[in-house]
C-alpha atoms as a PDB file:
ATOM      1  CA  MET A   1     166.432  36.432 115.935  1.00  0.00           C
ATOM      2  CA  PHE A   2     166.436  39.138 113.358  1.00  0.00           C
ATOM      3  CA  TYR A   3     163.078  38.316 112.000  1.00  0.00           C
ATOM      4  CA  LYS A   4     161.548  38.941 115.672  1.00  0.00           C
ATOM      5  CA  LYS A   5     163.598  41.997 116.077  1.00  0.00           C
ATOM      6  CA  ILE A   6     161.917  43.774 113.167  1.00  0.00           C
ATOM      7  CA  ASN A   7     158.353  42.820 113.795  1.00  0.00           C
ATOM      8  CA  ILE A   8     157.596  46.156 115.467  1.00  0.00           C
ATOM      9  CA  LEU A   9     159.053  48.130 112.784  1.00  0.00           C
ATOM     10  CA  SER A  10     157.258  45.938 110.179  1.00  0.00           C
ATOM     11  CA  LEU A  11     153.847  46.970 111.802  1.00  0.00           C
ATOM     12  CA  LEU A  12     154.815  50.770 111.012  1.00  0.00           C
ATOM     13  CA  PHE A  13     156.486  50.203 107.697  1.00  0.00           C
ATOM     14  CA  PRO A  14     155.129  46.946 106.020  1.00  0.00           C
ATOM     15  CA  ASP A  15     157.806  44.568 104.603  1.00  0.00           C
ATOM     16  CA  THR A  16     157.737  44.811 100.783  1.00  0.00           C
ATOM     17  CA  CYS A  17     158.625  42.246  98.052  1.00  0.00           C
ATOM     18  CA  ILE A  18     162.305  43.219  96.796  1.00  0.00           C
ATOM     19  CA  VAL A  19     161.074  42.693  93.203  1.00  0.00           C
ATOM     20  CA  CYS A  20     157.509  44.281  92.912  1.00  0.00           C
ATOM     21  CA  LYS A  21     157.511  46.307  96.213  1.00  0.00           C
ATOM     22  CA  LYS A  22     154.167  44.992  97.253  1.00  0.00           C
ATOM     23  CA  PRO A  23     153.768  43.953 100.898  1.00  0.00           C
ATOM     24  CA  VAL A  24     154.793  40.647 102.179  1.00  0.00           C
ATOM     25  CA  ARG A  25     154.458  38.661 105.418  1.00  0.00           C
ATOM     26  CA  ILE A  26     157.380  39.571 107.984  1.00  0.00           C
ATOM     27  CA  SER A  27     159.218  36.359 107.306  1.00  0.00           C
ATOM     28  CA  SER A  28     159.336  36.904 103.407  1.00  0.00           C
ATOM     29  CA  TYR A  29     161.410  38.914 101.015  1.00  0.00           C
ATOM     30  CA  ALA A  30     159.482  38.113  97.910  1.00  0.00           C
ATOM     31  CA  CYS A  31     156.052  37.397  97.085  1.00  0.00           C
ATOM     32  CA  LYS A  32     155.325  34.038  95.474  1.00  0.00           C
ATOM     33  CA  ARG A  33     154.733  35.419  91.974  1.00  0.00           C
ATOM     34  CA  CYS A  34     158.140  37.182  92.073  1.00  0.00           C
ATOM     35  CA  ASN A  35     160.059  34.548  93.714  1.00  0.00           C
ATOM     36  CA  ASP A  36     159.707  32.473  90.583  1.00  0.00           C
ATOM     37  CA  LYS A  37     161.522  35.295  88.687  1.00  0.00           C
ATOM     38  CA  ILE A  38     164.439  35.213  90.928  1.00  0.00           C
ATOM     39  CA  GLU A  39     167.708  33.104  89.695  1.00  0.00           C
ATOM     40  CA  TYR A  40     169.109  31.674  92.900  1.00  0.00           C
ATOM     41  CA  ILE A  41     173.074  30.713  93.076  1.00  0.00           C
ATOM     42  CA  ASN A  42     173.742  26.992  93.094  1.00  0.00           C
ATOM     43  CA  PRO A  43     177.487  26.606  94.108  1.00  0.00           C
ATOM     44  CA  ILE A  44     177.666  22.954  92.581  1.00  0.00           C
ATOM     45  CA  PHE A  45     180.083  23.018  89.802  1.00  0.00           C
ATOM     46  CA  LYS A  46     181.239  26.431  90.537  1.00  0.00           C
ATOM     47  CA  CYS A  47     184.551  27.924  91.681  1.00  0.00           C
ATOM     48  CA  LYS A  48     184.459  28.398  95.293  1.00  0.00           C
ATOM     49  CA  THR A  49     186.060  31.885  95.295  1.00  0.00           C
ATOM     50  CA  CYS A  50     184.335  33.548  92.402  1.00  0.00           C
ATOM     51  CA  LEU A  51     181.416  31.248  91.557  1.00  0.00           C
ATOM     52  CA  SER A  52     182.264  31.005  87.847  1.00  0.00           C
ATOM     53  CA  HIS A  53     181.291  27.516  86.124  1.00  0.00           C
ATOM     54  CA  ILE A  54     183.946  24.915  86.304  1.00  0.00           C
ATOM     55  CA  PRO A  55     183.943  21.433  84.957  1.00  0.00           C
ATOM     56  CA  LYS A  56     183.297  18.679  87.463  1.00  0.00           C
ATOM     57  CA  SER A  57     186.492  18.146  89.121  1.00  0.00           C
ATOM     58  CA  ASP A  58     188.210  17.624  92.655  1.00  0.00           C
ATOM     59  CA  ASN A  59     189.571  21.219  92.297  1.00  0.00           C
ATOM     60  CA  ARG A  60     187.061  23.551  93.223  1.00  0.00           C
ATOM     61  CA  ILE A  61     189.182  26.652  92.246  1.00  0.00           C
ATOM     62  CA  CYS A  62     189.131  27.904  88.867  1.00  0.00           C
ATOM     63  CA  GLY A  63     192.477  28.826  86.979  1.00  0.00           C
ATOM     64  CA  PHE A  64     191.944  32.457  87.424  1.00  0.00           C
ATOM     65  CA  CYS A  65     191.356  32.396  90.914  1.00  0.00           C
ATOM     66  CA  LEU A  66     194.433  30.159  91.498  1.00  0.00           C
ATOM     67  CA  LYS A  67     196.273  32.883  89.733  1.00  0.00           C
ATOM     68  CA  GLU A  68     194.786  35.767  91.755  1.00  0.00           C
ATOM     69  CA  ASN A  69     194.945  33.863  95.108  1.00  0.00           C
ATOM     70  CA  PRO A  70     192.133  35.852  96.849  1.00  0.00           C
ATOM     71  CA  GLN A  71     192.494  36.069 100.690  1.00  0.00           C
ATOM     72  CA  TYR A  72     189.227  34.718 101.576  1.00  0.00           C
ATOM     73  CA  SER A  73     188.464  31.174 101.708  1.00  0.00           C
ATOM     74  CA  ARG A  74     185.083  31.045  99.902  1.00  0.00           C
ATOM     75  CA  LEU A  75     182.376  33.381  98.217  1.00  0.00           C
ATOM     76  CA  ILE A  76     178.703  32.943  99.125  1.00  0.00           C
ATOM     77  CA  SER A  77     176.172  34.872  96.867  1.00  0.00           C
ATOM     78  CA  CYS A  78     172.481  34.606  97.121  1.00  0.00           C
ATOM     79  CA  VAL A  79     171.176  35.533  93.593  1.00  0.00           C
ATOM     80  CA  ALA A  80     172.066  36.193  90.072  1.00  0.00           C
ATOM     81  CA  TYR A  81     172.571  39.928  89.372  1.00  0.00           C
ATOM     82  CA  LYS A  82     169.955  40.070  86.481  1.00  0.00           C
ATOM     83  CA  GLY A  83     166.381  41.032  85.609  1.00  0.00           C
ATOM     84  CA  TYR A  84     164.227  42.194  88.478  1.00  0.00           C
ATOM     85  CA  ILE A  85     166.968  41.606  91.058  1.00  0.00           C
ATOM     86  CA  LYS A  86     169.448  43.954  89.260  1.00  0.00           C
ATOM     87  CA  SER A  87     166.789  46.652  89.019  1.00  0.00           C
ATOM     88  CA  SER A  88     166.074  46.360  92.804  1.00  0.00           C
ATOM     89  CA  LEU A  89     169.657  46.437  93.839  1.00  0.00           C
ATOM     90  CA  GLN A  90     170.145  49.513  91.634  1.00  0.00           C
ATOM     91  CA  ALA A  91     167.268  51.044  93.228  1.00  0.00           C
ATOM     92  CA  TYR A  92     168.435  50.282  96.735  1.00  0.00           C
ATOM     93  CA  LYS A  93     172.072  51.585  95.928  1.00  0.00           C
ATOM     94  CA  PHE A  94     171.486  54.578  93.723  1.00  0.00           C
ATOM     95  CA  ASN A  95     167.734  55.748  94.102  1.00  0.00           C
ATOM     96  CA  ASN A  96     167.493  56.539  97.699  1.00  0.00           C
ATOM     97  CA  ARG A  97     165.578  53.303  98.738  1.00  0.00           C
ATOM     98  CA  PRO A  98     167.452  52.227 102.274  1.00  0.00           C
ATOM     99  CA  ASP A  99     163.949  50.705 103.136  1.00  0.00           C
ATOM    100  CA  LEU A 100     164.866  47.693 100.837  1.00  0.00           C
ATOM    101  CA  HIS A 101     167.458  46.486 103.154  1.00  0.00           C
ATOM    102  CA  ILE A 102     165.024  44.627 105.318  1.00  0.00           C
ATOM    103  CA  GLY A 103     163.952  42.455 102.286  1.00  0.00           C
ATOM    104  CA  PHE A 104     167.682  41.802 101.124  1.00  0.00           C
ATOM    105  CA  SER A 105     168.687  41.086 104.752  1.00  0.00           C
ATOM    106  CA  LYS A 106     166.107  38.366 104.990  1.00  0.00           C
ATOM    107  CA  LEU A 107     167.359  36.871 101.692  1.00  0.00           C
ATOM    108  CA  ALA A 108     170.871  37.122 103.208  1.00  0.00           C
ATOM    109  CA  CYS A 109     170.009  35.451 106.502  1.00  0.00           C
ATOM    110  CA  GLU A 110     168.056  32.722 104.746  1.00  0.00           C
ATOM    111  CA  THR A 111     171.113  31.904 102.342  1.00  0.00           C
ATOM    112  CA  LEU A 112     173.535  31.912 105.296  1.00  0.00           C
ATOM    113  CA  GLU A 113     171.447  29.566 107.391  1.00  0.00           C
ATOM    114  CA  HIS A 114     170.821  27.177 104.525  1.00  0.00           C
ATOM    115  CA  ASP A 115     174.669  27.175 103.892  1.00  0.00           C
ATOM    116  CA  GLY A 116     175.428  26.360 107.447  1.00  0.00           C
ATOM    117  CA  VAL A 117     178.602  28.739 107.348  1.00  0.00           C
ATOM    118  CA  TYR A 118     180.175  29.711 110.705  1.00  0.00           C
ATOM    119  CA  PHE A 119     181.735  33.141 111.382  1.00  0.00           C
ATOM    120  CA  ASP A 120     182.482  34.930 114.649  1.00  0.00           C
ATOM    121  CA  ALA A 121     181.916  38.657 113.342  1.00  0.00           C
ATOM    122  CA  VAL A 122     180.735  40.500 110.401  1.00  0.00           C
ATOM    123  CA  ILE A 123     182.128  43.562 108.659  1.00  0.00           C
ATOM    124  CA  SER A 124     180.978  45.479 105.513  1.00  0.00           C
ATOM    125  CA  MET A 125     182.330  46.879 102.504  1.00  0.00           C
ATOM    126  CA  PRO A 126     183.075  50.613 103.434  1.00  0.00           C
ATOM    127  CA  LEU A 127     182.282  53.821 101.395  1.00  0.00           C
ATOM    128  CA  HIS A 128     184.601  56.672 101.375  1.00  0.00           C
ATOM    129  CA  ARG A 129     183.339  59.407 103.678  1.00  0.00           C
ATOM    130  CA  ASN A 130     182.373  61.838 100.862  1.00  0.00           C
ATOM    131  CA  LYS A 131     180.235  58.865  99.103  1.00  0.00           C
ATOM    132  CA  LEU A 132     178.548  58.221 102.285  1.00  0.00           C
ATOM    133  CA  LEU A 133     177.611  61.988 102.866  1.00  0.00           C
ATOM    134  CA  GLU A 134     176.322  61.894  99.208  1.00  0.00           C
ATOM    135  CA  ARG A 135     174.179  58.725  99.401  1.00  0.00           C
ATOM    136  CA  GLY A 136     173.320  59.073 103.109  1.00  0.00           C
ATOM    137  CA  TYR A 137     173.835  55.427 103.838  1.00  0.00           C
ATOM    138  CA  ASN A 138     175.989  52.356 103.194  1.00  0.00           C
ATOM    139  CA  GLN A 139     173.876  49.799 101.587  1.00  0.00           C
ATOM    140  CA  SER A 140     176.229  46.887 102.486  1.00  0.00           C
ATOM    141  CA  ALA A 141     176.344  47.972 106.002  1.00  0.00           C
ATOM    142  CA  LEU A 142     172.675  47.919 106.521  1.00  0.00           C
ATOM    143  CA  ILE A 143     172.553  44.513 105.386  1.00  0.00           C
ATOM    144  CA  ALA A 144     175.661  43.526 107.418  1.00  0.00           C
ATOM    145  CA  LYS A 145     174.325  44.940 110.708  1.00  0.00           C
ATOM    146  CA  ASN A 146     171.195  42.801 110.282  1.00  0.00           C
ATOM    147  CA  ILE A 147     173.106  39.631 109.467  1.00  0.00           C
ATOM    148  CA  ALA A 148     175.029  40.221 112.738  1.00  0.00           C
ATOM    149  CA  LYS A 149     171.874  40.776 114.662  1.00  0.00           C
ATOM    150  CA  HIS A 150     170.257  37.474 113.383  1.00  0.00           C
ATOM    151  CA  PHE A 151     173.434  35.456 114.158  1.00  0.00           C
ATOM    152  CA  GLU A 152     174.156  37.293 117.422  1.00  0.00           C
ATOM    153  CA  VAL A 153     177.789  38.135 116.536  1.00  0.00           C
ATOM    154  CA  PRO A 154     179.529  41.367 116.646  1.00  0.00           C
ATOM    155  CA  PHE A 155     179.301  43.979 113.749  1.00  0.00           C
ATOM    156  CA  TYR A 156     182.338  46.106 113.290  1.00  0.00           C
ATOM    157  CA  ASP A 157     181.115  48.895 110.996  1.00  0.00           C
ATOM    158  CA  ASP A 158     184.343  51.109 111.577  1.00  0.00           C
ATOM    159  CA  LEU A 159     186.895  48.226 111.095  1.00  0.00           C
ATOM    160  CA  LEU A 160     187.571  48.221 107.404  1.00  0.00           C
ATOM    161  CA  ILE A 161     187.804  51.844 106.137  1.00  0.00           C
ATOM    162  CA  LYS A 162     188.062  53.314 102.731  1.00  0.00           C
ATOM    163  CA  VAL A 163     190.826  55.726 102.604  1.00  0.00           C
ATOM    164  CA  LYS A 164     191.033  56.347  98.839  1.00  0.00           C
ATOM    165  CA  GLU A 165     188.033  58.109  96.923  1.00  0.00           C
ATOM    166  CA  THR A 166     187.551  55.883  93.935  1.00  0.00           C
ATOM    167  CA  LYS A 167     185.481  56.031  90.871  1.00  0.00           C
ATOM    168  CA  THR A 168     182.414  53.965  90.715  1.00  0.00           C
ATOM    169  CA  GLN A 169     183.401  50.318  89.582  1.00  0.00           C
ATOM    170  CA  SER A 170     180.383  49.482  87.497  1.00  0.00           C
ATOM    171  CA  GLU A 171     181.180  52.574  85.415  1.00  0.00           C
ATOM    172  CA  LEU A 172     184.637  51.322  84.433  1.00  0.00           C
ATOM    173  CA  LYS A 173     185.899  48.653  82.233  1.00  0.00           C
ATOM    174  CA  TYR A 174     187.786  45.547  83.567  1.00  0.00           C
ATOM    175  CA  ALA A 175     191.297  46.766  83.075  1.00  0.00           C
ATOM    176  CA  GLU A 176     190.281  49.808  84.940  1.00  0.00           C
ATOM    177  CA  ARG A 177     188.776  48.296  87.933  1.00  0.00           C
ATOM    178  CA  ARG A 178     191.839  46.765  89.327  1.00  0.00           C
ATOM    179  CA  LYS A 179     193.763  50.114  89.233  1.00  0.00           C
ATOM    180  CA  ASN A 180     190.869  51.913  90.481  1.00  0.00           C
ATOM    181  CA  ILE A 181     190.588  49.895  93.630  1.00  0.00           C
ATOM    182  CA  LYS A 182     194.156  49.307  94.543  1.00  0.00           C
ATOM    183  CA  GLY A 183     195.239  50.651  97.966  1.00  0.00           C
ATOM    184  CA  ALA A 184     191.767  51.944  98.795  1.00  0.00           C
ATOM    185  CA  PHE A 185     191.165  50.196 102.070  1.00  0.00           C
ATOM    186  CA  ASP A 186     192.841  50.220 105.645  1.00  0.00           C
ATOM    187  CA  VAL A 187     191.867  48.607 108.985  1.00  0.00           C
ATOM    188  CA  ASN A 188     191.128  50.515 112.190  1.00  0.00           C
ATOM    189  CA  ASN A 189     191.867  48.669 115.541  1.00  0.00           C
ATOM    190  CA  PRO A 190     192.405  45.347 113.770  1.00  0.00           C
ATOM    191  CA  GLU A 191     193.136  43.483 117.173  1.00  0.00           C
ATOM    192  CA  ARG A 192     189.144  43.114 117.409  1.00  0.00           C
ATOM    193  CA  ILE A 193     189.358  40.392 114.882  1.00  0.00           C
ATOM    194  CA  ASN A 194     192.514  38.492 115.720  1.00  0.00           C
ATOM    195  CA  GLU A 195     192.051  34.774 115.209  1.00  0.00           C
ATOM    196  CA  ASN A 196     188.339  35.244 114.273  1.00  0.00           C
ATOM    197  CA  THR A 197     186.641  34.037 111.192  1.00  0.00           C
ATOM    198  CA  ILE A 198     185.035  37.117 109.532  1.00  0.00           C
ATOM    199  CA  LEU A 199     182.127  37.478 107.091  1.00  0.00           C
ATOM    200  CA  LEU A 200     182.791  40.291 104.780  1.00  0.00           C
ATOM    201  CA  VAL A 201     179.672  41.616 103.207  1.00  0.00           C
ATOM    202  CA  ASP A 202     179.091  43.629 100.033  1.00  0.00           C
ATOM    203  CA  ASP A 203     175.945  43.979  97.775  1.00  0.00           C
ATOM    204  CA  ILE A 204     177.468  42.642  94.351  1.00  0.00           C
ATOM    205  CA  PHE A 205     180.305  40.699  93.241  1.00  0.00           C
ATOM    206  CA  THR A 206     181.252  41.140  89.523  1.00  0.00           C
ATOM    207  CA  THR A 207     184.970  41.069  88.622  1.00  0.00           C
ATOM    208  CA  GLY A 208     185.782  40.730  92.418  1.00  0.00           C
ATOM    209  CA  PHE A 209     188.375  43.268  92.444  1.00  0.00           C
ATOM    210  CA  THR A 210     186.830  45.321  95.318  1.00  0.00           C
ATOM    211  CA  MET A 211     186.256  42.116  97.381  1.00  0.00           C
ATOM    212  CA  ARG A 212     189.834  40.848  96.753  1.00  0.00           C
ATOM    213  CA  GLU A 213     191.321  44.102  97.696  1.00  0.00           C
ATOM    214  CA  ALA A 214     189.395  44.416 100.770  1.00  0.00           C
ATOM    215  CA  ALA A 215     190.343  40.840 101.921  1.00  0.00           C
ATOM    216  CA  LYS A 216     193.986  41.423 101.291  1.00  0.00           C
ATOM    217  CA  THR A 217     193.741  44.423 103.548  1.00  0.00           C
ATOM    218  CA  CYS A 218     192.060  42.439 106.502  1.00  0.00           C
ATOM    219  CA  ALA A 219     193.705  39.226 105.908  1.00  0.00           C
ATOM    220  CA  PRO A 220     197.014  39.834 108.114  1.00  0.00           C
ATOM    221  CA  HIS A 221     194.727  40.468 110.940  1.00  0.00           C
ATOM    222  CA  THR A 222     192.270  37.669 111.017  1.00  0.00           C
ATOM    223  CA  ASP A 223     192.341  33.781 110.964  1.00  0.00           C
ATOM    224  CA  LYS A 224     189.666  33.337 108.143  1.00  0.00           C
ATOM    225  CA  ILE A 225     187.605  35.501 105.806  1.00  0.00           C
ATOM    226  CA  ILE A 226     184.317  34.636 104.155  1.00  0.00           C
ATOM    227  CA  ALA A 227     183.120  36.820 101.386  1.00  0.00           C
ATOM    228  CA  PHE A 228     179.479  37.326 101.138  1.00  0.00           C
ATOM    229  CA  THR A 229     177.247  39.219  98.617  1.00  0.00           C
ATOM    230  CA  ILE A 230     173.588  39.580  97.825  1.00  0.00           C
ATOM    231  CA  ALA A 231     174.180  39.021  94.074  1.00  0.00           C
ATOM    232  CA  LYS A 232     176.723  37.747  91.598  1.00  0.00           C
ATOM    233  CA  GLY A 233     177.014  39.390  88.308  1.00  0.00           C
ATOM    234  CA  ILE A 234     179.138  39.343  85.196  1.00  0.00           C
ATOM    235  CA  LEU A 235     181.025  42.097  83.339  1.00  0.00           C
ATOM    236  CA  GLU A 236     179.055  43.740  80.691  1.00  0.00           C
ATOM    237  CA  ASN A 237     181.178  46.239  79.195  1.00  0.00           C
END
């Protein structure tokens, strides 16, 4: 299991709380005090493909998603993208803190185990090669690789590739995001996922344009796609 596989590394580099960065035990991702500050996502009365609130009804898909028709079956997110979690994810992604992937990976695995979801393989949201060289690591891939280890399924880190260099989505307004990400992805050796259920991993889901575009690219080559992110946010600009 993933937790056991990181025990040796944890002796050298103690696990830290994803909020306050203080040491925590190997099986934890947050200390008790900070855990109370985290808003966990409850999927009840939420659209199954974007986690927006919907009234109680038999239809678990909101009007927007019915129109957009995302090519994944559902979205699973661990926590709300706000407060301390937002600060931690921004540090992980933009401030050269790849070490935080261990805590976020634990959170991811715990959420997926609690959900009981099944998948055959894991892929991650790719970075364009120029962005990867600039950042030095793909924050989504680090988490996706650990999820695959934990659930003992393949991780295809080179299957979904980013062929278009785009602007940072978080810096754009709503209308600009769709155009920015359109046509950004391609697949490499897609026969690896034929008739498989795929877990597509990213760090944050906000408007969903990136996830929908990536899923649309993969959909012709696989049986089913499940979208997964650490956090679910809302558009602020």
